[in-house]
Protein backbone atom coordinates (compact mmCIF):
# COMPACT_ATOMS: atom_id res chain seq x y z
CA MET A 1 70.89 13.03 -57.99
CA GLY A 2 69.68 13.99 -61.39
CA GLN A 3 69.05 12.94 -64.91
CA VAL A 4 71.72 11.08 -66.85
CA ARG A 5 71.80 11.13 -70.65
CA VAL A 6 73.61 8.11 -72.07
CA ARG A 7 75.28 8.67 -75.46
CA ALA A 8 77.05 6.41 -77.96
CA ASN A 9 80.85 6.43 -77.76
CA PHE A 10 81.11 5.24 -81.37
CA SER A 11 78.88 4.41 -84.36
CA GLY A 12 77.03 1.09 -84.29
CA SER A 13 73.77 -0.73 -83.63
CA VAL A 14 71.93 -0.60 -80.30
CA GLU A 15 70.56 -3.48 -78.22
CA TYR A 16 68.72 -2.41 -75.07
CA ARG A 17 68.85 -4.50 -71.87
CA VAL A 18 66.19 -2.39 -70.07
CA ARG A 19 62.73 -0.91 -70.66
CA PRO A 20 61.18 2.47 -69.75
CA GLY A 21 60.00 2.59 -66.13
CA GLU A 22 62.36 -0.18 -65.05
CA SER A 23 64.36 0.34 -61.86
CA VAL A 24 68.09 -0.32 -62.18
CA TRP A 25 71.00 -0.55 -59.75
CA ALA A 26 74.59 0.64 -60.04
CA GLY A 27 76.46 -1.67 -62.38
CA ARG A 28 73.33 -2.92 -64.19
CA ALA A 29 73.85 -3.27 -67.95
CA LEU A 30 71.63 -0.76 -69.77
CA LEU A 31 72.48 -1.38 -73.41
CA VAL A 32 75.05 -2.70 -75.84
CA VAL A 33 76.44 -0.78 -78.81
CA GLU A 34 77.99 -3.00 -81.47
CA GLY A 35 80.22 -1.25 -83.98
CA GLU A 36 82.18 -2.51 -86.93
CA ARG A 37 85.24 -3.34 -84.81
CA GLU A 38 84.13 -2.98 -81.21
CA VAL A 39 81.35 -3.85 -78.78
CA GLU A 40 80.59 -1.85 -75.64
CA THR A 41 78.20 -2.54 -72.79
CA LEU A 42 77.05 0.65 -71.05
CA SER A 43 76.07 0.25 -67.40
CA ALA A 44 74.38 2.44 -64.79
CA ARG A 45 76.78 4.35 -62.53
CA ASN A 46 74.08 4.77 -59.86
CA ALA A 47 70.62 3.40 -59.07
CA GLY A 48 67.70 4.93 -60.92
CA VAL A 49 64.67 4.52 -63.15
CA ILE A 50 64.75 4.38 -66.95
CA ARG A 51 62.89 7.43 -68.24
CA GLU A 52 63.25 7.01 -72.01
CA LEU A 53 64.83 4.87 -74.71
CA CYS A 54 65.76 7.38 -77.41
CA VAL A 55 66.30 5.19 -80.49
CA ALA A 56 64.65 2.05 -81.80
CA GLU A 57 66.02 -1.38 -80.85
CA GLY A 58 68.59 -2.39 -83.47
CA ALA A 59 68.93 1.14 -84.84
CA GLU A 60 72.24 2.26 -86.35
CA VAL A 61 73.50 5.33 -84.50
CA GLU A 62 76.38 7.77 -84.90
CA LYS A 63 78.96 8.64 -82.26
CA GLY A 64 77.41 11.01 -79.70
CA ALA A 65 73.79 9.96 -80.38
CA LEU A 66 71.48 10.13 -77.36
CA LEU A 67 70.49 6.54 -76.50
CA LEU A 68 68.80 6.54 -73.10
CA VAL A 69 67.69 8.86 -70.28
CA LEU A 70 67.98 7.65 -66.67
CA ASP A 71 66.58 9.41 -63.59
CA GLU A 72 69.04 8.67 -60.81
CA THR A 73 67.58 8.00 -57.36
CA PRO A 74 69.20 8.67 -53.97
CA ALA A 75 70.96 5.71 -52.40
CA GLY A 76 69.43 4.25 -49.48
């Protein structure tokens, strides 16, 4: 397992669904990016712990911006 860096797939505003230090499971919603024409919920692929939220809640970000760092933990 390792560290996962979650990036924006398009420009928009960010709404976090987690906080630093929080444990998450596979499938757990991490954040929502709301763009001009689309909304995307980004979820954890594996279990882990939120290391860092990289932009302020509600911030406008560009495509490719680093949003969140997750330390994945071994299953089991």
